[in-house]
Protein backbone atom coordinates (compact mmCIF):
# COMPACT_ATOMS: atom_id res chain seq x y z
CA MET A 1 -20.85 30.26 -7.76
CA ARG A 2 -20.76 32.96 -10.44
CA LYS A 3 -18.03 31.14 -12.32
CA THR A 4 -20.04 27.91 -12.33
CA PHE A 5 -23.16 29.72 -13.53
CA LYS A 6 -21.13 31.41 -16.28
CA ARG A 7 -19.84 28.00 -17.44
CA VAL A 8 -23.36 26.58 -17.48
CA VAL A 9 -24.60 29.48 -19.59
CA GLN A 10 -21.68 29.12 -21.99
CA GLY A 11 -22.34 25.40 -22.31
CA ALA A 12 -26.01 26.03 -23.02
CA VAL A 13 -25.17 28.55 -25.73
CA VAL A 14 -22.67 26.22 -27.40
CA GLY A 15 -25.08 23.28 -27.13
CA GLY A 16 -27.90 25.34 -28.57
CA ALA A 17 -25.75 26.45 -31.49
CA ALA A 18 -24.72 22.86 -32.21
CA ALA A 19 -28.32 21.66 -32.05
CA ALA A 20 -29.45 24.43 -34.39
CA GLY A 21 -26.77 23.48 -36.89
CA ALA A 22 -27.71 19.81 -36.73
CA ALA A 23 -31.38 20.63 -37.20
CA GLN A 24 -30.64 22.29 -40.53
CA ALA A 25 -28.77 19.26 -41.93
CA ALA A 26 -30.68 17.27 -44.54
CA ILE A 27 -30.87 13.66 -43.40
CA ASP A 28 -32.22 10.94 -45.69
CA THR A 29 -34.59 8.81 -43.61
CA THR A 30 -36.24 6.79 -46.38
CA SER A 31 -34.15 3.67 -45.76
CA VAL A 32 -34.93 3.72 -42.04
CA THR A 33 -38.63 4.29 -42.69
CA THR A 34 -38.72 1.44 -45.21
CA ALA A 35 -36.95 -0.92 -42.80
CA LEU A 36 -39.37 -0.07 -39.99
CA THR A 37 -42.36 -0.59 -42.26
CA ASP A 38 -41.02 -3.97 -43.41
CA ALA A 39 -40.32 -5.00 -39.81
CA GLY A 40 -43.82 -3.97 -38.77
CA THR A 41 -45.33 -6.04 -41.58
CA ALA A 42 -43.25 -9.07 -40.61
CA ALA A 43 -44.24 -8.69 -36.96
CA GLY A 44 -47.89 -8.53 -37.97
CA VAL A 45 -47.60 -11.74 -40.00
CA VAL A 46 -45.87 -13.57 -37.14
CA GLY A 47 -48.45 -12.29 -34.66
CA ALA A 48 -51.31 -13.45 -36.88
CA ALA A 49 -49.71 -16.89 -37.23
CA VAL A 50 -49.34 -17.21 -33.47
CA LEU A 51 -52.96 -16.17 -32.98
CA VAL A 52 -54.13 -18.77 -35.51
CA VAL A 53 -52.17 -21.49 -33.70
CA ILE A 54 -53.60 -20.49 -30.31
CA VAL A 55 -57.16 -20.42 -31.64
CA GLY A 56 -56.58 -23.77 -33.36
CA ILE A 57 -55.38 -25.36 -30.12
CA LYS A 58 -58.36 -23.96 -28.19
CA ALA A 59 -60.80 -25.16 -30.86
CA TYR A 60 -59.23 -28.64 -30.86
CA LYS A 61 -59.48 -28.86 -27.07
CA TYR A 62 -63.09 -27.62 -27.19
CA ILE A 63 -64.10 -30.17 -29.85
CA LYS A 64 -62.23 -32.98 -28.10
CA GLN A 65 -64.00 -32.19 -24.83
CA ALA A 66 -67.40 -32.20 -26.55
CA MET A 67 -66.87 -35.71 -27.94
């Protein structure tokens, strides 16, 4: 039991040290941010187009029913 607990503590210390070192590394995220922004814009355009088609179909059915 004590040996297992000692291993867990050692693992936590090593993992914490590795995470602290990785947190200090300078990572360039501009390309990822740009790609996500572009993807969000494209998704918005596709969503708007789908909405226009759905509204157009509903309007056509409504007008056809009224005639």
